[in-house]
Amino acid sequence: MREAFGAVFDVQPGYLNTASIGVPPRHVADAVMASHERWRRGEDTSSTFNDAVETSREGFGRLVGVPATSVACGATVSQFVSLVAQSLPSGSKVYVDPGDFTSVTLPFVAAGHRIASTVDEADLVALSLVQSSDGRIADLDALKASGKPVLLDVSQAAGWMPLSLAWADFVVGVAYKWLMSPRGAAWMAVRPDRMEFLKPLAANWYSTGENYGTELVLRSDARRFDLSPTWSSHVGAAVALPWLASVDLEAVRAHCVGLTDRLLTGLGLPPNGSAIVSVDTPPAQGVVASVRAGRTRYACHMYNTIEDVDRVLEALS
């Protein structure tokens, strides 16, 4: 058991793999387990989960700096990126980071768009705010100065990094990493002046106010892009995201970066200012980490400690 930022975690020592799967605080896991018990007893209806969906929507909005009316709920990042890709005019040029995760890059290739070699020639810039493979952080000031439409994936940023992204055209993120919620929920923040640009390609009963009938009208805000929600995922997210939004995320960032700085310095490497690091050494014994592009990736979240980092350094010494 560990206590961090006012929450209790049951994470095991040496878990440095949040970039793959986040570990929930006890109160989030308890909420999901209670929901499963209600399901076991047949106590729920579809409307039972409406409040959880709306609470998670609002929570994601608070974490990225937009109102709930600008947030759509879905299941995966690739689903939302594909929505943007399919809405672009045919043959558009999109600038992506060559090393970015394929959920961000592949939807544009599949839609037949061209990959731009520079930001200047792009019709859209699409990239991860924090790179999954090595923790590199995008230069937001340069992106804003470019004047180009921007899609940001915050899956490896939201939850440890304070964000204020109302200026971005589209912001997407998933539940199950740094937001420490069950897999199956994702969100997209859409700037209000970009609502009409997107085509609601997966319109469904959650995209309108009516389940049946002939009054087939899409909602006027970002909910027109909703998927029918994965209920248990939103049950967890409805607890985790508002809690995260209430935490001092500057302190969370300082905690996480302080741990990765300790790890990199201990390995004779310069700090990178990120909660994710990638090193050219074999995975440390007794530590849960990931291998990406032939390098070992370690990720430090709020529940990690100096002891976790020192376990790596001792194993590699």
Protein backbone atom coordinates (compact mmCIF):
# COMPACT_ATOMS: atom_id res chain seq x y z
CA MET A 1 0.00 0.00 0.00
CA ARG A 2 1.21 3.50 -0.85
CA GLU A 3 -0.24 6.92 -0.19
CA ALA A 4 0.27 9.74 -2.68
CA PHE A 5 -1.53 13.03 -3.31
CA GLY A 6 -4.32 12.13 -0.92
CA ALA A 7 -5.03 8.70 -2.43
CA VAL A 8 -4.14 5.13 -1.53
CA PHE A 9 -2.61 2.78 -4.10
CA ASP A 10 -2.08 -0.96 -3.98
CA VAL A 11 0.62 -0.87 -6.68
CA GLN A 12 3.55 -3.23 -6.20
CA PRO A 13 7.14 -1.93 -5.75
CA GLY A 14 9.07 -1.48 -8.99
CA TYR A 15 6.07 -0.74 -11.22
CA LEU A 16 7.39 1.81 -13.73
CA ASN A 17 5.04 1.09 -16.62
CA THR A 18 2.29 3.72 -16.49
CA ALA A 19 3.05 4.63 -20.12
CA SER A 20 1.50 1.23 -20.93
CA ILE A 21 -1.11 0.77 -18.17
CA GLY A 22 -1.85 3.06 -15.26
CA VAL A 23 -2.62 1.67 -11.81
CA PRO A 24 -5.79 3.09 -10.22
CA PRO A 25 -6.00 4.56 -6.74
CA ARG A 26 -8.03 2.38 -4.39
CA HIS A 27 -11.13 4.59 -4.47
CA VAL A 28 -11.30 4.35 -8.29
CA ALA A 29 -10.91 0.57 -8.30
CA ASP A 30 -13.54 0.30 -5.55
CA ALA A 31 -16.05 2.26 -7.65
CA VAL A 32 -15.51 -0.06 -10.62
CA MET A 33 -15.82 -3.17 -8.44
CA ALA A 34 -19.04 -1.85 -6.91
CA SER A 35 -20.40 -1.31 -10.42
CA HIS A 36 -19.56 -4.91 -11.32
CA GLU A 37 -21.43 -6.09 -8.24
CA ARG A 38 -24.50 -4.13 -9.32
CA TRP A 39 -24.20 -5.72 -12.76
CA ARG A 40 -23.97 -9.16 -11.11
CA ARG A 41 -27.25 -8.49 -9.33
CA GLY A 42 -29.02 -6.94 -12.35
CA GLU A 43 -29.50 -3.60 -10.64
CA ASP A 44 -28.56 -1.30 -13.53
CA THR A 45 -30.26 0.12 -16.61
CA SER A 46 -28.59 1.98 -19.47
CA SER A 47 -29.55 5.30 -17.92
CA THR A 48 -27.72 4.35 -14.70
CA PHE A 49 -24.45 5.35 -16.35
CA ASN A 50 -25.45 8.71 -17.83
CA ASP A 51 -24.13 10.69 -14.87
CA ALA A 52 -20.78 8.86 -14.99
CA VAL A 53 -20.38 9.62 -18.70
CA GLU A 54 -21.11 13.30 -18.16
CA THR A 55 -18.82 13.49 -15.14
CA SER A 56 -15.92 11.92 -17.03
CA ARG A 57 -16.58 14.27 -19.96
CA GLU A 58 -16.40 17.27 -17.65
CA GLY A 59 -13.30 15.87 -15.95
CA PHE A 60 -11.42 15.50 -19.22
CA GLY A 61 -12.42 19.02 -20.15
CA ARG A 62 -11.02 20.36 -16.88
CA LEU A 63 -7.76 18.48 -17.41
CA VAL A 64 -7.17 19.97 -20.86
CA GLY A 65 -8.76 23.37 -20.23
CA VAL A 66 -12.05 23.30 -22.15
CA PRO A 67 -15.76 23.19 -21.20
CA ALA A 68 -17.65 19.89 -21.19
CA THR A 69 -19.69 21.01 -24.21
CA SER A 70 -16.49 20.82 -26.28
CA VAL A 71 -15.74 17.21 -25.30
CA ALA A 72 -16.84 14.06 -27.13
CA CYS A 73 -16.71 10.62 -25.49
CA GLY A 74 -15.48 7.59 -27.40
CA ALA A 75 -13.43 4.42 -27.00
CA THR A 76 -9.97 4.91 -28.55
CA VAL A 77 -7.65 7.63 -29.78
CA SER A 78 -7.48 6.07 -33.25
CA GLN A 79 -11.26 6.36 -33.56
CA PHE A 80 -11.13 10.12 -32.99
CA VAL A 81 -8.01 10.66 -35.11
CA SER A 82 -9.75 8.74 -37.90
CA LEU A 83 -12.75 11.07 -37.58
CA VAL A 84 -10.46 14.04 -38.20
CA ALA A 85 -8.61 12.22 -41.01
CA GLN A 86 -11.84 11.30 -42.81
CA SER A 87 -13.11 14.87 -42.48
CA LEU A 88 -10.06 16.44 -44.16
CA PRO A 89 -10.34 17.21 -47.88
CA SER A 90 -8.95 14.47 -50.09
CA GLY A 91 -5.20 14.67 -50.62
CA SER A 92 -4.51 16.97 -47.67
CA LYS A 93 -0.96 17.22 -46.35
CA VAL A 94 -0.49 16.22 -42.71
CA TYR A 95 2.67 16.70 -40.68
CA VAL A 96 3.32 13.92 -38.15
CA ASP A 97 6.26 13.02 -35.97
CA PRO A 98 8.04 10.14 -37.77
CA GLY A 99 8.40 8.27 -34.48
CA ASP A 100 4.86 8.82 -33.27
CA PHE A 101 2.47 6.06 -32.23
CA THR A 102 0.55 4.58 -35.15
CA SER A 103 -2.84 5.44 -33.62
CA VAL A 104 -1.93 9.05 -34.44
CA THR A 105 -0.24 8.55 -37.81
CA LEU A 106 -1.93 5.61 -39.54
CA PRO A 107 -5.47 7.07 -39.78
CA PHE A 108 -4.14 9.79 -42.11
CA VAL A 109 -2.35 7.26 -44.31
CA ALA A 110 -5.45 5.07 -44.42
CA ALA A 111 -7.52 8.10 -45.47
CA GLY A 112 -5.17 8.66 -48.42
CA HIS A 113 -3.60 11.88 -47.22
CA ARG A 114 -0.02 12.88 -47.92
CA ILE A 115 2.58 13.12 -45.19
CA ALA A 116 4.16 16.58 -45.17
CA SER A 117 7.90 16.86 -44.63
CA THR A 118 7.64 20.18 -42.78
CA VAL A 119 5.07 21.98 -40.66
CA ASP A 120 5.03 24.90 -43.09
CA GLU A 121 3.65 22.82 -45.96
CA ALA A 122 1.07 20.98 -43.84
CA ASP A 123 -2.70 21.46 -43.82
CA LEU A 124 -2.79 19.89 -40.34
CA VAL A 125 -0.20 19.04 -37.70
CA ALA A 126 -0.99 15.84 -35.75
CA LEU A 127 1.26 14.58 -33.00
CA SER A 128 1.54 13.38 -29.43
CA LEU A 129 2.20 16.09 -26.87
CA VAL A 130 4.47 13.60 -25.09
CA GLN A 131 5.97 10.86 -27.23
CA SER A 132 5.12 7.34 -26.07
CA SER A 133 8.45 5.82 -27.09
CA ASP A 134 10.88 8.16 -25.32
CA GLY A 135 9.00 10.94 -23.50
CA ARG A 136 9.95 13.79 -25.83
CA ILE A 137 7.70 16.81 -25.30
CA ALA A 138 6.36 18.79 -28.24
CA ASP A 139 7.15 22.49 -28.55
CA LEU A 140 3.69 23.96 -28.01
CA ASP A 141 4.85 27.54 -28.43
CA ALA A 142 6.23 26.73 -31.88
CA LEU A 143 3.01 24.91 -32.80
CA LYS A 144 0.87 27.85 -31.76
CA ALA A 145 3.14 30.27 -33.63
CA SER A 146 2.89 28.21 -36.81
CA GLY A 147 -0.77 29.10 -37.22
CA LYS A 148 -1.49 25.60 -38.53
CA PRO A 149 -4.49 23.53 -37.46
CA VAL A 150 -3.32 21.17 -34.70
CA LEU A 151 -4.42 17.79 -33.37
CA LEU A 152 -2.75 16.82 -30.10
CA ASP A 153 -2.77 13.38 -28.47
CA VAL A 154 -2.41 13.87 -24.71
CA SER A 155 -2.58 10.17 -23.80
CA GLN A 156 0.96 10.34 -22.37
CA ALA A 157 0.57 13.81 -20.86
CA ALA A 158 -2.85 14.30 -19.25
CA GLY A 159 -2.71 13.17 -15.64
CA TRP A 160 0.85 14.22 -14.82
CA MET A 161 1.25 17.44 -16.83
CA PRO A 162 -0.81 20.61 -16.29
CA LEU A 163 -2.53 21.42 -19.60
CA SER A 164 -4.28 24.46 -21.07
CA LEU A 165 -5.11 23.52 -24.64
CA ALA A 166 -8.26 25.43 -25.57
CA TRP A 167 -6.30 26.94 -28.48
CA ALA A 168 -5.78 23.54 -30.18
CA ASP A 169 -8.23 22.44 -32.88
CA PHE A 170 -8.52 18.88 -31.55
CA VAL A 171 -7.23 17.22 -28.37
CA VAL A 172 -7.57 13.46 -27.90
CA GLY A 173 -6.67 11.17 -25.00
CA VAL A 174 -7.34 7.75 -23.46
CA ALA A 175 -8.39 6.67 -20.00
CA TYR A 176 -6.13 3.78 -19.13
CA LYS A 177 -2.66 5.29 -18.82
CA TRP A 178 -1.93 8.39 -16.74
CA LEU A 179 -5.65 8.92 -16.05
CA MET A 180 -5.67 5.57 -14.22
CA SER A 181 -9.10 4.46 -15.41
CA PRO A 182 -10.30 1.24 -17.08
CA ARG A 183 -9.51 0.78 -20.76
CA GLY A 184 -12.45 1.48 -23.06
CA ALA A 185 -12.92 5.23 -22.74
CA ALA A 186 -11.36 8.06 -24.71
CA TRP A 187 -12.19 11.71 -25.27
CA MET A 188 -11.77 14.40 -27.90
CA ALA A 189 -11.94 18.12 -27.22
CA VAL A 190 -13.09 20.04 -30.28
CA ARG A 191 -12.63 23.79 -30.53
CA PRO A 192 -16.11 25.30 -31.05
CA ASP A 193 -15.28 26.82 -34.42
CA ARG A 194 -14.19 23.37 -35.68
CA MET A 195 -17.43 21.52 -34.85
CA GLU A 196 -18.87 21.90 -38.34
CA PHE A 197 -15.63 20.73 -39.95
CA LEU A 198 -15.98 17.20 -38.55
CA LYS A 199 -18.27 14.62 -40.12
CA PRO A 200 -20.09 12.53 -37.45
CA LEU A 201 -19.21 9.25 -39.18
CA ALA A 202 -20.35 7.02 -36.33
CA ALA A 203 -23.58 8.81 -35.42
CA ASN A 204 -25.64 6.70 -33.00
CA TRP A 205 -28.26 6.91 -30.27
CA TYR A 206 -25.81 8.77 -28.04
CA SER A 207 -25.28 11.45 -30.70
CA THR A 208 -28.86 12.67 -30.42
CA GLY A 209 -31.48 13.24 -27.78
CA GLU A 210 -33.79 10.57 -29.16
CA ASN A 211 -33.39 6.78 -29.17
CA TYR A 212 -36.27 6.19 -31.58
CA GLY A 213 -38.59 8.19 -33.80
CA THR A 214 -38.34 10.42 -36.82
CA GLU A 215 -36.83 13.51 -35.16
CA LEU A 216 -33.30 12.57 -36.16
CA VAL A 217 -31.28 15.60 -35.10
CA LEU A 218 -27.68 15.56 -33.95
CA ARG A 219 -26.77 17.31 -30.73
CA SER A 220 -25.46 20.83 -31.24
CA ASP A 221 -22.24 20.43 -29.23
CA ALA A 222 -19.38 17.91 -29.23
CA ARG A 223 -21.71 15.15 -28.03
CA ARG A 224 -22.73 14.72 -31.67
CA PHE A 225 -19.43 12.81 -32.05
CA ASP A 226 -20.01 10.49 -29.06
CA LEU A 227 -19.88 6.73 -29.32
CA SER A 228 -22.23 4.69 -27.21
CA PRO A 229 -20.17 4.56 -24.00
CA THR A 230 -18.35 1.62 -22.48
CA TRP A 231 -20.09 1.81 -19.15
CA SER A 232 -17.61 0.40 -16.65
CA SER A 233 -14.80 2.48 -18.13
CA HIS A 234 -16.73 5.65 -17.47
CA VAL A 235 -17.63 4.51 -13.96
CA GLY A 236 -13.92 4.51 -13.15
CA ALA A 237 -13.16 7.66 -15.12
CA ALA A 238 -15.99 9.52 -13.40
CA VAL A 239 -14.11 9.05 -10.13
CA ALA A 240 -10.53 9.35 -11.38
CA LEU A 241 -10.74 12.38 -13.66
CA PRO A 242 -12.46 14.86 -11.31
CA TRP A 243 -10.05 13.79 -8.57
CA LEU A 244 -7.05 14.34 -10.86
CA ALA A 245 -8.43 17.72 -11.90
CA SER A 246 -8.52 18.72 -8.22
CA VAL A 247 -4.92 17.67 -7.55
CA ASP A 248 -1.99 20.11 -7.83
CA LEU A 249 -0.69 18.90 -11.20
CA GLU A 250 2.35 21.16 -10.99
CA ALA A 251 3.32 19.17 -7.90
CA VAL A 252 2.58 15.90 -9.72
CA ARG A 253 4.81 16.95 -12.59
CA ALA A 254 7.60 17.97 -10.22
CA HIS A 255 7.31 14.61 -8.45
CA CYS A 256 7.37 12.56 -11.65
CA VAL A 257 10.14 14.53 -13.35
CA GLY A 258 12.18 14.49 -10.14
CA LEU A 259 12.11 10.69 -10.23
CA THR A 260 13.03 10.40 -13.91
CA ASP A 261 15.80 12.98 -13.40
CA ARG A 262 17.18 10.81 -10.60
CA LEU A 263 17.06 7.77 -12.86
CA LEU A 264 18.76 9.44 -15.82
CA THR A 265 21.39 11.14 -13.68
CA GLY A 266 22.14 7.83 -11.99
CA LEU A 267 22.74 6.32 -15.43
CA GLY A 268 25.02 9.19 -16.46
CA LEU A 269 22.42 10.71 -18.81
CA PRO A 270 20.99 14.24 -19.03
CA PRO A 271 17.46 14.89 -17.68
CA ASN A 272 14.66 15.21 -20.24
CA GLY A 273 11.98 16.99 -18.22
CA SER A 274 9.43 14.25 -18.86
CA ALA A 275 7.71 11.53 -16.83
CA ILE A 276 8.83 9.01 -19.49
CA VAL A 277 12.42 8.07 -20.25
CA SER A 278 14.00 5.69 -22.73
CA VAL A 279 17.43 4.17 -22.11
CA ASP A 280 19.74 1.92 -24.07
CA THR A 281 20.10 -0.72 -21.35
CA PRO A 282 18.36 -4.06 -20.79
CA PRO A 283 15.23 -4.00 -18.59
CA ALA A 284 16.17 -4.01 -14.92
CA GLN A 285 15.40 -7.18 -13.00
CA GLY A 286 12.59 -6.86 -10.47
CA VAL A 287 11.06 -3.88 -12.28
CA VAL A 288 8.01 -3.67 -14.54
CA ALA A 289 8.86 -1.60 -17.62
CA SER A 290 8.42 -1.75 -21.41
CA VAL A 291 10.67 -2.11 -24.42
CA ARG A 292 9.99 0.29 -27.28
CA ALA A 293 12.10 0.56 -30.45
CA GLY A 294 14.77 -1.62 -28.87
CA ARG A 295 15.14 0.60 -25.81
CA THR A 296 13.82 0.21 -22.28
CA ARG A 297 11.10 2.66 -21.33
CA TYR A 298 10.45 3.66 -17.73
CA ALA A 299 7.52 5.83 -16.65
CA CYS A 300 7.06 7.48 -13.25
CA HIS A 301 3.63 8.53 -11.98
CA MET A 302 2.38 9.99 -8.71
CA TYR A 303 2.43 6.58 -6.98
CA ASN A 304 6.10 5.94 -7.71
CA THR A 305 8.87 6.54 -5.20
CA ILE A 306 12.62 6.99 -4.98
CA GLU A 307 12.81 3.33 -4.00
CA ASP A 308 11.34 2.34 -7.38
CA VAL A 309 13.98 4.32 -9.23
CA ASP A 310 16.82 3.11 -7.02
CA ARG A 311 15.71 -0.46 -7.70
CA VAL A 312 16.52 0.17 -11.38
CA LEU A 313 19.87 1.78 -10.61
CA GLU A 314 20.89 -1.04 -8.27
CA ALA A 315 19.89 -3.70 -10.80
CA LEU A 316 21.91 -2.01 -13.55
CA SER A 317 24.94 -1.11 -11.46
